[in-house]
Amino acid sequence: MDKKIVILGIETSCDDTCASVLIDNKIITNIVNSQKIHSNYGGVYPEMASRNHLNNISITVEEAITKANINKKNISAVGYTYGPGLNGSLLVGSIFAKSFSYSLNIPSIAINHMYGHIFANFIDEPIPNFPFLCLVISGGHTQLVKVDSFNKITLLGETLDDAIGEAYDKIGKMLGLKYPGGPKIDKYASLGNNKSFKFPKANIDNYNFSFSGIKTAVLYFLRNKPKNFIEENINDLCASIQKTLIDMLMDKLILAIKNTDIKEICIGGGVACNNGIKNRLYELKENMNLNIYIPKHEYCTDNAAMIAKIAYIKYINSEFSDINTIVDPKLKY
């Protein structure tokens, strides 16, 4: 019997310490150790994130291995995120992964975090056919990409300022919602009328996005309102704001679909958990005869399963990384 291919995936690009074990292309464990303390600061505190990764990474990896019921000596390779992300956080995961692989004399495989979010769509069936379009939407990124193969990704457009997740959270703060505000806006939006208030959409050429304008518009809109206005209108406010944000995403996606004639559509990243976005995509599916792919919730937010998945693909193609590979917080495609 052929030896099983066992991949350990490690993800530490931001504030979640993540480890996953994949065996013969199947995710066995997917452990996420979240740093909830950042909610006290209204966002991720980079120095604290890296210190907490140092405390968490050994126990997180050990948990992933133990729950997978394997011995460390069974591991074929270690995949880890080397960018983009927070420099200190990336360093913790990178150094741990390379030390782990060196001690077992197995390959280490450096993975682009953005590839992870895109190919999270390949973890479970059904999987998209090449080529496909993918919206990568999170607290740190908003990108529209064309994917021709595992090694050929073209960036069509990206945000010129804030990522959509950042816009959600900053607007949430204006509404008095605790960080992260995005999921709370999505929840309240489901109960409101999205035509109650109107906010402007950014008019950006090509496939690029801009979300700074709507933040300013919401700030000015709320500035002179009565004391209880937000509380009394929270559902309608969230519904109207969310509609505007989603409209901006869909406008660019529809433009790309029409220009490329690609019917395979994916999303990835933490904001892909947003129910309003999912519902709009399903509407688009019916109206434009599309195939829509959305990863499970646990594969949209930062996780190591998506890193293990890409590492497996690279492993079977003998695409290994050098021990001297350095992290790149601003890594591109």
C-alpha atoms as a PDB file:
ATOM      1  CA  MET A   1       0.000   0.000   0.000  1.00  0.00           C
ATOM      2  CA  ASP A   2       1.300   3.462  -0.896  1.00  0.00           C
ATOM      3  CA  LYS A   3       2.243   5.712   2.002  1.00  0.00           C
ATOM      4  CA  LYS A   4      -0.415   8.251   2.904  1.00  0.00           C
ATOM      5  CA  ILE A   5       0.311  11.912   2.163  1.00  0.00           C
ATOM      6  CA  VAL A   6      -0.081  13.807   5.428  1.00  0.00           C
ATOM      7  CA  ILE A   7       0.127  17.606   5.399  1.00  0.00           C
ATOM      8  CA  LEU A   8       0.315  19.863   8.440  1.00  0.00           C
ATOM      9  CA  GLY A   9      -1.014  23.345   7.647  1.00  0.00           C
ATOM     10  CA  ILE A  10      -0.200  26.420   9.747  1.00  0.00           C
ATOM     11  CA  GLU A  11      -1.859  29.832   9.390  1.00  0.00           C
ATOM     12  CA  THR A  12      -0.853  32.908  11.464  1.00  0.00           C
ATOM     13  CA  SER A  13      -1.306  35.859   9.115  1.00  0.00           C
ATOM     14  CA  CYS A  14      -3.373  37.975  11.516  1.00  0.00           C
ATOM     15  CA  ASP A  15      -4.782  37.223  14.986  1.00  0.00           C
ATOM     16  CA  ASP A  16      -6.003  33.623  14.675  1.00  0.00           C
ATOM     17  CA  THR A  17      -3.545  30.802  15.400  1.00  0.00           C
ATOM     18  CA  CYS A  18      -4.584  27.947  13.120  1.00  0.00           C
ATOM     19  CA  ALA A  19      -3.406  24.396  12.458  1.00  0.00           C
ATOM     20  CA  SER A  20      -4.862  21.668  10.273  1.00  0.00           C
ATOM     21  CA  VAL A  21      -4.039  18.120   9.288  1.00  0.00           C
ATOM     22  CA  LEU A  22      -4.889  16.846   5.804  1.00  0.00           C
ATOM     23  CA  ILE A  23      -4.533  13.173   4.896  1.00  0.00           C
ATOM     24  CA  ASP A  24      -4.687  12.111   1.246  1.00  0.00           C
ATOM     25  CA  ASN A  25      -6.446  15.336   0.224  1.00  0.00           C
ATOM     26  CA  LYS A  26      -9.043  15.160   3.008  1.00  0.00           C
ATOM     27  CA  ILE A  27      -9.164  17.649   5.887  1.00  0.00           C
ATOM     28  CA  ILE A  28      -9.089  15.698   9.146  1.00  0.00           C
ATOM     29  CA  THR A  29      -8.668  18.468  11.716  1.00  0.00           C
ATOM     30  CA  ASN A  30      -9.027  22.234  11.485  1.00  0.00           C
ATOM     31  CA  ILE A  31      -8.162  24.000  14.747  1.00  0.00           C
ATOM     32  CA  VAL A  32      -8.570  27.759  15.214  1.00  0.00           C
ATOM     33  CA  ASN A  33      -7.359  29.484  18.375  1.00  0.00           C
ATOM     34  CA  SER A  34      -8.936  32.953  18.260  1.00  0.00           C
ATOM     35  CA  GLN A  35      -7.570  35.983  20.124  1.00  0.00           C
ATOM     36  CA  LYS A  36     -10.791  37.543  21.389  1.00  0.00           C
ATOM     37  CA  ILE A  37      -8.907  40.195  23.364  1.00  0.00           C
ATOM     38  CA  HIS A  38      -8.638  42.405  20.262  1.00  0.00           C
ATOM     39  CA  SER A  39     -12.343  43.262  20.518  1.00  0.00           C
ATOM     40  CA  ASN A  40     -11.375  45.503  23.457  1.00  0.00           C
ATOM     41  CA  TYR A  41      -9.275  47.640  21.098  1.00  0.00           C
ATOM     42  CA  GLY A  42     -11.739  47.963  18.211  1.00  0.00           C
ATOM     43  CA  GLY A  43      -9.365  46.106  15.893  1.00  0.00           C
ATOM     44  CA  VAL A  44      -6.309  43.853  15.807  1.00  0.00           C
ATOM     45  CA  TYR A  45      -3.352  45.028  17.903  1.00  0.00           C
ATOM     46  CA  PRO A  46      -0.357  43.701  15.868  1.00  0.00           C
ATOM     47  CA  GLU A  47       2.208  43.425  18.671  1.00  0.00           C
ATOM     48  CA  MET A  48      -0.250  41.646  20.953  1.00  0.00           C
ATOM     49  CA  ALA A  49      -1.251  39.325  18.095  1.00  0.00           C
ATOM     50  CA  SER A  50       2.314  38.131  17.552  1.00  0.00           C
ATOM     51  CA  ARG A  51       2.902  37.613  21.281  1.00  0.00           C
ATOM     52  CA  ASN A  52      -0.267  35.548  21.568  1.00  0.00           C
ATOM     53  CA  HIS A  53       0.749  33.468  18.547  1.00  0.00           C
ATOM     54  CA  LEU A  54       3.944  32.591  20.425  1.00  0.00           C
ATOM     55  CA  ASN A  55       1.845  31.356  23.342  1.00  0.00           C
ATOM     56  CA  ASN A  56      -0.698  29.509  21.216  1.00  0.00           C
ATOM     57  CA  ILE A  57       1.097  27.907  18.300  1.00  0.00           C
ATOM     58  CA  SER A  58       2.594  24.859  20.008  1.00  0.00           C
ATOM     59  CA  ILE A  59      -0.648  23.844  21.695  1.00  0.00           C
ATOM     60  CA  THR A  60      -2.708  24.538  18.556  1.00  0.00           C
ATOM     61  CA  VAL A  61      -0.464  22.370  16.370  1.00  0.00           C
ATOM     62  CA  GLU A  62      -0.363  19.647  19.018  1.00  0.00           C
ATOM     63  CA  GLU A  63      -4.166  19.644  19.195  1.00  0.00           C
ATOM     64  CA  ALA A  64      -4.487  19.335  15.411  1.00  0.00           C
ATOM     65  CA  ILE A  65      -2.061  16.395  15.331  1.00  0.00           C
ATOM     66  CA  THR A  66      -3.535  14.625  18.362  1.00  0.00           C
ATOM     67  CA  LYS A  67      -7.140  14.904  17.142  1.00  0.00           C
ATOM     68  CA  ALA A  68      -6.048  13.608  13.725  1.00  0.00           C
ATOM     69  CA  ASN A  69      -4.766  10.492  15.539  1.00  0.00           C
ATOM     70  CA  ILE A  70      -1.383  10.534  13.812  1.00  0.00           C
ATOM     71  CA  ASN A  71       2.240  10.516  14.880  1.00  0.00           C
ATOM     72  CA  LYS A  72       4.413  13.473  13.950  1.00  0.00           C
ATOM     73  CA  LYS A  73       6.638  11.045  12.069  1.00  0.00           C
ATOM     74  CA  ASN A  74       3.708  10.364   9.699  1.00  0.00           C
ATOM     75  CA  ILE A  75       3.725  13.961   8.424  1.00  0.00           C
ATOM     76  CA  SER A  76       4.927  14.353   4.838  1.00  0.00           C
ATOM     77  CA  ALA A  77       5.303  18.161   4.711  1.00  0.00           C
ATOM     78  CA  VAL A  78       4.425  21.381   6.505  1.00  0.00           C
ATOM     79  CA  GLY A  79       2.598  24.188   4.698  1.00  0.00           C
ATOM     80  CA  TYR A  80       2.562  27.655   6.231  1.00  0.00           C
ATOM     81  CA  THR A  81       1.442  31.168   5.368  1.00  0.00           C
ATOM     82  CA  TYR A  82       4.291  33.522   4.464  1.00  0.00           C
ATOM     83  CA  GLY A  83       2.222  36.520   3.360  1.00  0.00           C
ATOM     84  CA  PRO A  84       0.420  38.788   3.097  1.00  0.00           C
ATOM     85  CA  GLY A  85      -0.387  39.678   6.684  1.00  0.00           C
ATOM     86  CA  LEU A  86       1.080  41.140   9.866  1.00  0.00           C
ATOM     87  CA  ASN A  87       4.853  40.817   9.891  1.00  0.00           C
ATOM     88  CA  GLY A  88       5.222  39.600  13.479  1.00  0.00           C
ATOM     89  CA  SER A  89       2.375  37.117  13.165  1.00  0.00           C
ATOM     90  CA  LEU A  90       3.759  35.710   9.915  1.00  0.00           C
ATOM     91  CA  LEU A  91       7.212  35.322  11.483  1.00  0.00           C
ATOM     92  CA  VAL A  92       5.873  33.209  14.334  1.00  0.00           C
ATOM     93  CA  GLY A  93       4.155  30.751  11.997  1.00  0.00           C
ATOM     94  CA  SER A  94       7.027  30.702   9.510  1.00  0.00           C
ATOM     95  CA  ILE A  95       9.749  30.038  12.077  1.00  0.00           C
ATOM     96  CA  PHE A  96       7.687  27.357  13.820  1.00  0.00           C
ATOM     97  CA  ALA A  97       6.836  25.607  10.524  1.00  0.00           C
ATOM     98  CA  LYS A  98      10.413  25.627   9.224  1.00  0.00           C
ATOM     99  CA  SER A  99      11.799  24.424  12.561  1.00  0.00           C
ATOM    100  CA  PHE A 100       9.176  21.666  12.685  1.00  0.00           C
ATOM    101  CA  SER A 101       9.953  20.500   9.142  1.00  0.00           C
ATOM    102  CA  TYR A 102      13.717  20.701   9.706  1.00  0.00           C
ATOM    103  CA  SER A 103      13.489  18.554  12.842  1.00  0.00           C
ATOM    104  CA  LEU A 104      11.640  15.823  10.912  1.00  0.00           C
ATOM    105  CA  ASN A 105      13.662  16.244   7.701  1.00  0.00           C
ATOM    106  CA  ILE A 106      10.519  16.886   5.645  1.00  0.00           C
ATOM    107  CA  PRO A 107       9.736  19.688   3.164  1.00  0.00           C
ATOM    108  CA  SER A 108       8.257  23.040   4.148  1.00  0.00           C
ATOM    109  CA  ILE A 109       5.945  24.763   1.683  1.00  0.00           C
ATOM    110  CA  ALA A 110       5.337  28.528   1.806  1.00  0.00           C
ATOM    111  CA  ILE A 111       1.768  29.464   0.869  1.00  0.00           C
ATOM    112  CA  ASN A 112       0.246  32.762  -0.250  1.00  0.00           C
ATOM    113  CA  HIS A 113      -2.630  33.536   2.136  1.00  0.00           C
ATOM    114  CA  MET A 114      -4.759  34.836  -0.750  1.00  0.00           C
ATOM    115  CA  TYR A 115      -4.336  31.567  -2.658  1.00  0.00           C
ATOM    116  CA  GLY A 116      -5.662  29.869   0.451  1.00  0.00           C
ATOM    117  CA  HIS A 117      -8.885  31.888   0.409  1.00  0.00           C
ATOM    118  CA  ILE A 118      -9.370  31.312  -3.315  1.00  0.00           C
ATOM    119  CA  PHE A 119      -8.755  27.576  -3.247  1.00  0.00           C
ATOM    120  CA  ALA A 120     -10.768  27.030  -0.083  1.00  0.00           C
ATOM    121  CA  ASN A 121     -13.425  26.477  -2.747  1.00  0.00           C
ATOM    122  CA  PHE A 122     -11.641  23.195  -3.575  1.00  0.00           C
ATOM    123  CA  ILE A 123     -11.837  21.674  -0.089  1.00  0.00           C
ATOM    124  CA  ASP A 124     -15.352  20.253  -0.519  1.00  0.00           C
ATOM    125  CA  GLU A 125     -17.388  19.153  -3.527  1.00  0.00           C
ATOM    126  CA  PRO A 126     -18.598  20.588  -5.791  1.00  0.00           C
ATOM    127  CA  ILE A 127     -15.496  22.405  -6.983  1.00  0.00           C
ATOM    128  CA  PRO A 128     -15.334  25.093  -9.679  1.00  0.00           C
ATOM    129  CA  ASN A 129     -14.040  24.516 -13.179  1.00  0.00           C
ATOM    130  CA  PHE A 130     -11.211  26.611 -14.584  1.00  0.00           C
ATOM    131  CA  PRO A 131     -11.349  29.426 -15.476  1.00  0.00           C
ATOM    132  CA  PHE A 132     -13.375  31.052 -12.722  1.00  0.00           C
ATOM    133  CA  LEU A 133     -13.824  34.481 -11.181  1.00  0.00           C
ATOM    134  CA  CYS A 134     -13.352  34.932  -7.450  1.00  0.00           C
ATOM    135  CA  LEU A 135     -14.207  37.765  -5.079  1.00  0.00           C
ATOM    136  CA  VAL A 136     -11.731  37.688  -2.191  1.00  0.00           C
ATOM    137  CA  ILE A 137     -13.298  39.772   0.555  1.00  0.00           C
ATOM    138  CA  SER A 138     -12.039  40.177   4.105  1.00  0.00           C
ATOM    139  CA  GLY A 139     -11.019  42.700   6.728  1.00  0.00           C
ATOM    140  CA  GLY A 140      -7.727  43.284   4.951  1.00  0.00           C
ATOM    141  CA  HIS A 141      -8.487  42.656   1.273  1.00  0.00           C
ATOM    142  CA  THR A 142     -11.068  43.237  -1.420  1.00  0.00           C
ATOM    143  CA  GLN A 143     -10.003  41.759  -4.741  1.00  0.00           C
ATOM    144  CA  LEU A 144     -11.556  40.424  -7.915  1.00  0.00           C
ATOM    145  CA  VAL A 145      -9.388  37.800  -9.610  1.00  0.00           C
ATOM    146  CA  LYS A 146      -9.522  35.564 -12.676  1.00  0.00           C
ATOM    147  CA  VAL A 147      -8.203  32.073 -11.998  1.00  0.00           C
ATOM    148  CA  ASP A 148      -7.021  30.025 -14.986  1.00  0.00           C
ATOM    149  CA  SER A 149      -5.173  27.324 -13.027  1.00  0.00           C
ATOM    150  CA  PHE A 150      -3.597  26.641  -9.636  1.00  0.00           C
ATOM    151  CA  ASN A 151      -0.572  28.634 -10.746  1.00  0.00           C
ATOM    152  CA  LYS A 152      -2.129  31.336 -12.919  1.00  0.00           C
ATOM    153  CA  ILE A 153      -4.147  34.017 -11.164  1.00  0.00           C
ATOM    154  CA  THR A 154      -4.784  37.447 -12.653  1.00  0.00           C
ATOM    155  CA  LEU A 155      -5.725  40.352 -10.391  1.00  0.00           C
ATOM    156  CA  LEU A 156      -8.513  42.211 -12.204  1.00  0.00           C
ATOM    157  CA  GLY A 157      -9.291  44.794  -9.528  1.00  0.00           C
ATOM    158  CA  GLU A 158      -8.816  45.645  -5.875  1.00  0.00           C
ATOM    159  CA  THR A 159      -9.777  48.273  -3.341  1.00  0.00           C
ATOM    160  CA  LEU A 160      -8.037  51.618  -3.680  1.00  0.00           C
ATOM    161  CA  ASP A 161      -8.475  52.348   0.039  1.00  0.00           C
ATOM    162  CA  ASP A 162     -10.332  50.319   2.668  1.00  0.00           C
ATOM    163  CA  ALA A 163     -11.149  46.648   2.407  1.00  0.00           C
ATOM    164  CA  ILE A 164     -14.867  45.909   2.612  1.00  0.00           C
ATOM    165  CA  GLY A 165     -14.469  44.172   5.967  1.00  0.00           C
ATOM    166  CA  GLU A 166     -12.700  47.218   7.349  1.00  0.00           C
ATOM    167  CA  ALA A 167     -15.513  49.440   6.080  1.00  0.00           C
ATOM    168  CA  TYR A 168     -18.083  47.190   7.767  1.00  0.00           C
ATOM    169  CA  ASP A 169     -16.250  47.328  11.084  1.00  0.00           C
ATOM    170  CA  LYS A 170     -15.633  51.088  11.031  1.00  0.00           C
ATOM    171  CA  ILE A 171     -19.252  51.806  10.148  1.00  0.00           C
ATOM    172  CA  GLY A 172     -20.266  49.391  12.877  1.00  0.00           C
ATOM    173  CA  LYS A 173     -18.292  51.488  15.342  1.00  0.00           C
ATOM    174  CA  MET A 174     -20.192  54.598  14.188  1.00  0.00           C
ATOM    175  CA  LEU A 175     -23.413  52.723  14.921  1.00  0.00           C
ATOM    176  CA  GLY A 176     -22.207  51.822  18.401  1.00  0.00           C
ATOM    177  CA  LEU A 177     -21.659  48.152  17.586  1.00  0.00           C
ATOM    178  CA  LYS A 178     -18.819  46.287  19.262  1.00  0.00           C
ATOM    179  CA  TYR A 179     -15.908  45.025  17.109  1.00  0.00           C
ATOM    180  CA  PRO A 180     -16.165  43.201  14.805  1.00  0.00           C
ATOM    181  CA  GLY A 181     -19.155  45.139  13.519  1.00  0.00           C
ATOM    182  CA  GLY A 182     -19.548  43.362  10.174  1.00  0.00           C
ATOM    183  CA  PRO A 183     -21.444  40.290  11.407  1.00  0.00           C
ATOM    184  CA  LYS A 184     -23.689  42.480  13.550  1.00  0.00           C
ATOM    185  CA  ILE A 185     -24.562  44.750  10.596  1.00  0.00           C
ATOM    186  CA  ASP A 186     -25.409  41.630   8.565  1.00  0.00           C
ATOM    187  CA  LYS A 187     -27.661  40.364  11.371  1.00  0.00           C
ATOM    188  CA  TYR A 188     -29.561  43.644  11.800  1.00  0.00           C
ATOM    189  CA  ALA A 189     -29.785  44.104   8.018  1.00  0.00           C
ATOM    190  CA  SER A 190     -31.825  40.914   7.700  1.00  0.00           C
ATOM    191  CA  LEU A 191     -34.533  42.578   9.807  1.00  0.00           C
ATOM    192  CA  GLY A 192     -34.607  45.943   8.045  1.00  0.00           C
ATOM    193  CA  ASN A 193     -35.778  47.721   4.902  1.00  0.00           C
ATOM    194  CA  ASN A 194     -32.800  48.328   2.606  1.00  0.00           C
ATOM    195  CA  LYS A 195     -34.600  51.177   0.841  1.00  0.00           C
ATOM    196  CA  SER A 196     -35.119  53.266   3.972  1.00  0.00           C
ATOM    197  CA  PHE A 197     -31.959  55.349   3.515  1.00  0.00           C
ATOM    198  CA  LYS A 198     -29.788  56.023   0.488  1.00  0.00           C
ATOM    199  CA  PHE A 199     -25.994  56.187   0.530  1.00  0.00           C
ATOM    200  CA  PRO A 200     -23.716  56.969  -2.438  1.00  0.00           C
ATOM    201  CA  LYS A 201     -21.765  54.319  -4.327  1.00  0.00           C
ATOM    202  CA  ALA A 202     -18.182  55.019  -5.392  1.00  0.00           C
ATOM    203  CA  ASN A 203     -17.788  55.478  -9.153  1.00  0.00           C
ATOM    204  CA  ILE A 204     -14.412  53.855  -9.896  1.00  0.00           C
ATOM    205  CA  ASP A 205     -13.167  52.869 -13.345  1.00  0.00           C
ATOM    206  CA  ASN A 206     -12.474  49.266 -14.375  1.00  0.00           C
ATOM    207  CA  TYR A 207     -12.740  46.575 -11.716  1.00  0.00           C
ATOM    208  CA  ASN A 208     -11.375  48.513  -8.750  1.00  0.00           C
ATOM    209  CA  PHE A 209     -13.285  49.282  -5.557  1.00  0.00           C
ATOM    210  CA  SER A 210     -13.428  52.135  -3.048  1.00  0.00           C
ATOM    211  CA  PHE A 211     -15.126  51.960   0.340  1.00  0.00           C
ATOM    212  CA  SER A 212     -13.832  55.093   2.051  1.00  0.00           C
ATOM    213  CA  GLY A 213     -16.617  57.292   0.636  1.00  0.00           C
ATOM    214  CA  ILE A 214     -19.483  55.381   2.203  1.00  0.00           C
ATOM    215  CA  LYS A 215     -17.803  55.641   5.611  1.00  0.00           C
ATOM    216  CA  THR A 216     -17.720  59.418   5.274  1.00  0.00           C
ATOM    217  CA  ALA A 217     -21.299  59.485   3.991  1.00  0.00           C
ATOM    218  CA  VAL A 218     -22.547  57.496   6.984  1.00  0.00           C
ATOM    219  CA  LEU A 219     -20.567  59.700   9.381  1.00  0.00           C
ATOM    220  CA  TYR A 220     -22.084  62.898   7.972  1.00  0.00           C
ATOM    221  CA  PHE A 221     -25.551  61.331   7.800  1.00  0.00           C
ATOM    222  CA  LEU A 222     -25.480  60.463  11.500  1.00  0.00           C
ATOM    223  CA  ARG A 223     -23.785  63.642  12.715  1.00  0.00           C
ATOM    224  CA  ASN A 224     -26.841  65.782  13.437  1.00  0.00           C
ATOM    225  CA  LYS A 225     -29.397  63.077  14.069  1.00  0.00           C
ATOM    226  CA  PRO A 226     -31.354  62.939  17.370  1.00  0.00           C
ATOM    227  CA  LYS A 227     -29.865  61.006  20.283  1.00  0.00           C
ATOM    228  CA  ASN A 228     -32.002  57.880  19.861  1.00  0.00           C
ATOM    229  CA  PHE A 229     -32.018  57.855  16.043  1.00  0.00           C
ATOM    230  CA  ILE A 230     -29.579  54.965  15.633  1.00  0.00           C
ATOM    231  CA  GLU A 231     -31.250  52.796  18.241  1.00  0.00           C
ATOM    232  CA  GLU A 232     -34.700  53.382  16.755  1.00  0.00           C
ATOM    233  CA  ASN A 233     -33.564  52.767  13.160  1.00  0.00           C
ATOM    234  CA  ILE A 234     -30.741  50.246  13.559  1.00  0.00           C
ATOM    235  CA  ASN A 235     -32.309  47.551  11.357  1.00  0.00           C
ATOM    236  CA  ASP A 236     -33.119  49.903   8.464  1.00  0.00           C
ATOM    237  CA  LEU A 237     -29.755  51.664   8.762  1.00  0.00           C
ATOM    238  CA  CYS A 238     -27.858  48.380   8.592  1.00  0.00           C
ATOM    239  CA  ALA A 239     -29.990  47.108   5.714  1.00  0.00           C
ATOM    240  CA  SER A 240     -29.461  50.299   3.688  1.00  0.00           C
ATOM    241  CA  ILE A 241     -25.717  50.423   4.379  1.00  0.00           C
ATOM    242  CA  GLN A 242     -25.260  46.744   3.585  1.00  0.00           C
ATOM    243  CA  LYS A 243     -27.205  47.083   0.320  1.00  0.00           C
ATOM    244  CA  THR A 244     -24.851  49.860  -0.795  1.00  0.00           C
ATOM    245  CA  LEU A 245     -21.741  47.854   0.078  1.00  0.00           C
ATOM    246  CA  ILE A 246     -23.011  44.754  -1.690  1.00  0.00           C
ATOM    247  CA  ASP A 247     -24.111  46.775  -4.729  1.00  0.00           C
ATOM    248  CA  MET A 248     -20.522  47.978  -5.143  1.00  0.00           C
ATOM    249  CA  LEU A 249     -19.241  44.398  -5.065  1.00  0.00           C
ATOM    250  CA  MET A 250     -21.862  43.092  -7.462  1.00  0.00           C
ATOM    251  CA  ASP A 251     -21.441  45.940  -9.970  1.00  0.00           C
ATOM    252  CA  LYS A 252     -17.798  44.968 -10.535  1.00  0.00           C
ATOM    253  CA  LEU A 253     -18.498  41.244 -10.535  1.00  0.00           C
ATOM    254  CA  ILE A 254     -21.281  41.619 -13.111  1.00  0.00           C
ATOM    255  CA  LEU A 255     -18.982  43.754 -15.286  1.00  0.00           C
ATOM    256  CA  ALA A 256     -16.296  41.045 -15.170  1.00  0.00           C
ATOM    257  CA  ILE A 257     -18.812  38.304 -15.968  1.00  0.00           C
ATOM    258  CA  LYS A 258     -20.050  40.195 -19.020  1.00  0.00           C
ATOM    259  CA  ASN A 259     -16.535  41.038 -20.238  1.00  0.00           C
ATOM    260  CA  THR A 260     -15.045  37.560 -19.750  1.00  0.00           C
ATOM    261  CA  ASP A 261     -18.158  35.413 -20.305  1.00  0.00           C
ATOM    262  CA  ILE A 262     -17.057  33.285 -17.335  1.00  0.00           C
ATOM    263  CA  LYS A 263     -19.966  31.609 -15.545  1.00  0.00           C
ATOM    264  CA  GLU A 264     -18.017  29.945 -12.711  1.00  0.00           C
ATOM    265  CA  ILE A 265     -18.076  32.305  -9.713  1.00  0.00           C
ATOM    266  CA  CYS A 266     -16.428  31.860  -6.296  1.00  0.00           C
ATOM    267  CA  ILE A 267     -15.975  33.927  -3.171  1.00  0.00           C
ATOM    268  CA  GLY A 268     -13.543  33.588  -0.294  1.00  0.00           C
ATOM    269  CA  GLY A 269     -12.343  35.392   2.818  1.00  0.00           C
ATOM    270  CA  GLY A 270     -14.017  36.246   6.094  1.00  0.00           C
ATOM    271  CA  VAL A 271     -16.660  38.558   4.603  1.00  0.00           C
ATOM    272  CA  ALA A 272     -17.810  35.652   2.418  1.00  0.00           C
ATOM    273  CA  CYS A 273     -19.688  34.532   5.555  1.00  0.00           C
ATOM    274  CA  ASN A 274     -22.019  37.516   5.109  1.00  0.00           C
ATOM    275  CA  ASN A 275     -25.563  36.259   4.464  1.00  0.00           C
ATOM    276  CA  GLY A 276     -26.544  39.344   2.496  1.00  0.00           C
ATOM    277  CA  ILE A 277     -23.703  38.745   0.029  1.00  0.00           C
ATOM    278  CA  LYS A 278     -24.563  35.054  -0.271  1.00  0.00           C
ATOM    279  CA  ASN A 279     -28.220  35.844  -0.983  1.00  0.00           C
ATOM    280  CA  ARG A 280     -27.273  38.378  -3.663  1.00  0.00           C
ATOM    281  CA  LEU A 281     -24.994  35.831  -5.323  1.00  0.00           C
ATOM    282  CA  TYR A 282     -27.790  33.291  -5.410  1.00  0.00           C
ATOM    283  CA  GLU A 283     -30.036  35.903  -7.050  1.00  0.00           C
ATOM    284  CA  LEU A 284     -27.280  36.550  -9.580  1.00  0.00           C
ATOM    285  CA  LYS A 285     -27.021  32.825 -10.207  1.00  0.00           C
ATOM    286  CA  GLU A 286     -30.661  32.682 -11.299  1.00  0.00           C
ATOM    287  CA  ASN A 287     -30.584  35.910 -13.311  1.00  0.00           C
ATOM    288  CA  MET A 288     -27.340  35.209 -15.199  1.00  0.00           C
ATOM    289  CA  ASN A 289     -27.276  31.384 -15.269  1.00  0.00           C
ATOM    290  CA  LEU A 290     -24.130  31.114 -13.157  1.00  0.00           C
ATOM    291  CA  ASN A 291     -22.494  28.386 -11.099  1.00  0.00           C
ATOM    292  CA  ILE A 292     -21.832  29.785  -7.607  1.00  0.00           C
ATOM    293  CA  TYR A 293     -19.348  28.307  -5.126  1.00  0.00           C
ATOM    294  CA  ILE A 294     -19.148  29.392  -1.486  1.00  0.00           C
ATOM    295  CA  PRO A 295     -16.878  27.639   1.041  1.00  0.00           C
ATOM    296  CA  LYS A 296     -18.212  26.519   4.407  1.00  0.00           C
ATOM    297  CA  HIS A 297     -18.107  29.164   7.131  1.00  0.00           C
ATOM    298  CA  GLU A 298     -15.025  27.627   8.789  1.00  0.00           C
ATOM    299  CA  TYR A 299     -13.106  27.788   5.501  1.00  0.00           C
ATOM    300  CA  CYS A 300     -13.969  31.448   4.812  1.00  0.00           C
ATOM    301  CA  THR A 301     -12.497  32.967   7.962  1.00  0.00           C
ATOM    302  CA  ASP A 302      -8.749  32.547   8.515  1.00  0.00           C
ATOM    303  CA  ASN A 303      -7.982  28.844   8.855  1.00  0.00           C
ATOM    304  CA  ALA A 304      -5.183  26.352   8.230  1.00  0.00           C
ATOM    305  CA  ALA A 305      -7.292  23.888   6.238  1.00  0.00           C
ATOM    306  CA  MET A 306      -7.018  26.136   3.173  1.00  0.00           C
ATOM    307  CA  ILE A 307      -3.235  26.299   3.680  1.00  0.00           C
ATOM    308  CA  ALA A 308      -2.984  22.516   3.984  1.00  0.00           C
ATOM    309  CA  LYS A 309      -5.061  22.159   0.804  1.00  0.00           C
ATOM    310  CA  ILE A 310      -2.696  24.297  -1.283  1.00  0.00           C
ATOM    311  CA  ALA A 311       0.333  22.649   0.340  1.00  0.00           C
ATOM    312  CA  TYR A 312      -1.024  19.249  -0.714  1.00  0.00           C
ATOM    313  CA  ILE A 313      -1.319  20.386  -4.332  1.00  0.00           C
ATOM    314  CA  LYS A 314       2.225  21.757  -4.237  1.00  0.00           C
ATOM    315  CA  TYR A 315       3.529  18.613  -2.523  1.00  0.00           C
ATOM    316  CA  ILE A 316       2.276  16.230  -5.206  1.00  0.00           C
ATOM    317  CA  ASN A 317       3.918  18.522  -7.771  1.00  0.00           C
ATOM    318  CA  SER A 318       7.187  18.632  -5.753  1.00  0.00           C
ATOM    319  CA  GLU A 319       6.928  22.420  -5.348  1.00  0.00           C
ATOM    320  CA  PHE A 320       8.840  22.803  -2.097  1.00  0.00           C
ATOM    321  CA  SER A 321      10.187  25.969  -0.445  1.00  0.00           C
ATOM    322  CA  ASP A 322      13.697  26.834   0.615  1.00  0.00           C
ATOM    323  CA  ILE A 323      14.466  26.990   4.321  1.00  0.00           C
ATOM    324  CA  ASN A 324      15.596  30.582   3.740  1.00  0.00           C
ATOM    325  CA  THR A 325      12.202  31.731   2.400  1.00  0.00           C
ATOM    326  CA  ILE A 326      11.277  34.951   4.212  1.00  0.00           C
ATOM    327  CA  VAL A 327       7.838  36.269   5.061  1.00  0.00           C
ATOM    328  CA  ASP A 328       6.372  39.073   2.956  1.00  0.00           C
ATOM    329  CA  PRO A 329       3.634  41.150   4.648  1.00  0.00           C
ATOM    330  CA  LYS A 330       2.755  42.753   1.295  1.00  0.00           C
ATOM    331  CA  LEU A 331       2.931  39.628  -0.819  1.00  0.00           C
ATOM    332  CA  LYS A 332       1.196  39.826  -4.205  1.00  0.00           C
ATOM    333  CA  TYR A 333       0.023  37.131  -6.620  1.00  0.00           C
END
